[in-house]
Amino acid sequence: MGLVNGRAVREAAPDTKDHVLESVEEHHVMLWMLSELKDLDAADERSDAKMSVLMENVRHHVEEEEKEWFPDVRKAMGRNRLTELGEQMEAAKKRAPGEPLAVPSAKR
């Protein structure tokens, strides 16, 4: 989602503040789990369990955003503002690190 978009959503739809904050924390947990998996040998007995937990977290996160949060954001922000934010995200992708663990929120 990104911090800039999180701020924009919170301004447009203050009722989503808790969802935004929870989403940021869920992203952080997923990055933390990726950092652990990166250094874990696939033969390690914890590897499959960690991957399963990561997959469950991602599925839960996506489902929660798509079913509960995004509809509220669409109503509050409107098509034009969402299109504008989408364009900003596309531009930001060019400057974003290609390595997920290089994003600032991945730092422990």
Protein backbone atom coordinates (compact mmCIF):
# COMPACT_ATOMS: atom_id res chain seq x y z
CA MET A 1 0.00 0.00 0.00
CA GLY A 2 2.78 2.42 0.86
CA LEU A 3 3.00 5.08 3.53
CA VAL A 4 1.97 7.94 1.24
CA ASN A 5 -1.16 6.11 0.15
CA GLY A 6 -1.84 5.12 3.75
CA ARG A 7 -1.78 8.78 4.74
CA ALA A 8 -4.02 9.74 1.82
CA VAL A 9 -6.53 7.06 2.79
CA ARG A 10 -6.52 8.09 6.44
CA GLU A 11 -7.19 11.70 5.44
CA ALA A 12 -10.03 10.79 3.09
CA ALA A 13 -11.53 8.05 5.24
CA PRO A 14 -10.60 8.58 8.90
CA ASP A 15 -12.65 5.53 9.91
CA THR A 16 -10.06 3.35 8.17
CA LYS A 17 -7.20 4.51 10.43
CA ASP A 18 -7.09 1.23 12.36
CA HIS A 19 -7.16 -0.78 9.12
CA VAL A 20 -4.27 1.26 7.71
CA LEU A 21 -2.17 0.82 10.83
CA GLU A 22 -2.93 -2.90 10.97
CA SER A 23 -2.06 -3.24 7.30
CA VAL A 24 1.31 -1.57 7.79
CA GLU A 25 2.09 -3.92 10.68
CA GLU A 26 1.01 -6.96 8.66
CA HIS A 27 3.34 -5.88 5.84
CA HIS A 28 6.16 -5.57 8.37
CA VAL A 29 5.51 -9.07 9.76
CA MET A 30 5.53 -10.54 6.27
CA LEU A 31 8.83 -8.84 5.45
CA TRP A 32 10.30 -10.07 8.72
CA MET A 33 9.23 -13.63 7.87
CA LEU A 34 10.76 -13.29 4.39
CA SER A 35 14.03 -12.19 5.97
CA GLU A 36 14.04 -15.32 8.11
CA LEU A 37 13.20 -17.57 5.17
CA LYS A 38 15.92 -16.00 3.06
CA ASP A 39 18.61 -17.26 5.41
CA LEU A 40 16.96 -20.59 6.21
CA ASP A 41 18.06 -23.74 4.42
CA ALA A 42 15.11 -25.37 2.63
CA ALA A 43 16.05 -28.65 4.33
CA ASP A 44 15.63 -27.08 7.78
CA GLU A 45 12.66 -28.64 9.57
CA ARG A 46 11.22 -25.14 10.21
CA SER A 47 11.27 -24.12 6.56
CA ASP A 48 7.91 -25.61 5.48
CA ALA A 49 6.19 -24.39 8.64
CA LYS A 50 7.48 -20.84 8.20
CA MET A 51 6.41 -20.82 4.55
CA SER A 52 2.93 -22.08 5.48
CA VAL A 53 2.53 -19.38 8.11
CA LEU A 54 3.70 -16.73 5.65
CA MET A 55 1.23 -17.95 3.02
CA GLU A 56 -1.63 -17.94 5.55
CA ASN A 57 -0.75 -14.41 6.61
CA VAL A 58 -0.64 -13.16 3.02
CA ARG A 59 -3.98 -14.81 2.17
CA HIS A 60 -5.62 -13.36 5.29
CA HIS A 61 -4.18 -9.92 4.58
CA VAL A 62 -5.35 -9.85 0.96
CA GLU A 63 -8.82 -11.13 1.83
CA GLU A 64 -9.25 -8.59 4.62
CA GLU A 65 -8.15 -5.70 2.42
CA GLU A 66 -10.24 -6.72 -0.60
CA LYS A 67 -13.45 -7.53 1.30
CA GLU A 68 -13.43 -5.12 4.22
CA TRP A 69 -11.12 -2.23 3.63
CA PHE A 70 -11.00 -1.49 -0.10
CA PRO A 71 -14.79 -1.02 -0.47
CA ASP A 72 -14.74 1.67 2.24
CA VAL A 73 -11.75 3.36 0.61
CA ARG A 74 -13.42 3.33 -2.82
CA LYS A 75 -16.51 5.03 -1.41
CA ALA A 76 -14.56 7.63 0.53
CA MET A 77 -12.02 8.56 -2.13
CA GLY A 78 -13.77 8.26 -5.47
CA ARG A 79 -12.47 7.12 -8.83
CA ASN A 80 -10.44 10.25 -9.71
CA ARG A 81 -8.45 10.31 -6.47
CA LEU A 82 -7.82 6.56 -6.63
CA THR A 83 -6.61 6.90 -10.22
CA GLU A 84 -4.27 9.69 -9.12
CA LEU A 85 -2.88 7.55 -6.29
CA GLY A 86 -2.44 4.64 -8.69
CA GLU A 87 -0.39 6.85 -10.99
CA GLN A 88 1.75 7.95 -8.04
CA MET A 89 2.32 4.31 -7.10
CA GLU A 90 3.38 3.45 -10.65
CA ALA A 91 5.89 6.32 -10.60
CA ALA A 92 7.16 5.24 -7.16
CA LYS A 93 7.77 1.68 -8.39
CA LYS A 94 10.59 3.03 -10.54
CA ARG A 95 12.37 4.34 -7.44
CA ALA A 96 11.49 1.44 -5.13
CA PRO A 97 14.04 -1.20 -4.21
CA GLY A 98 13.75 -4.39 -6.25
CA GLU A 99 14.61 -6.45 -3.19
CA PRO A 100 11.63 -6.67 -0.78
CA LEU A 101 13.93 -6.76 2.24
CA ALA A 102 15.51 -3.43 1.21
CA VAL A 103 12.36 -1.41 1.92
CA PRO A 104 12.58 0.75 5.06
CA SER A 105 9.81 -1.10 6.89
CA ALA A 106 11.79 -4.36 6.58
CA LYS A 107 14.44 -3.06 8.97
CA ARG A 108 14.32 -4.66 12.40
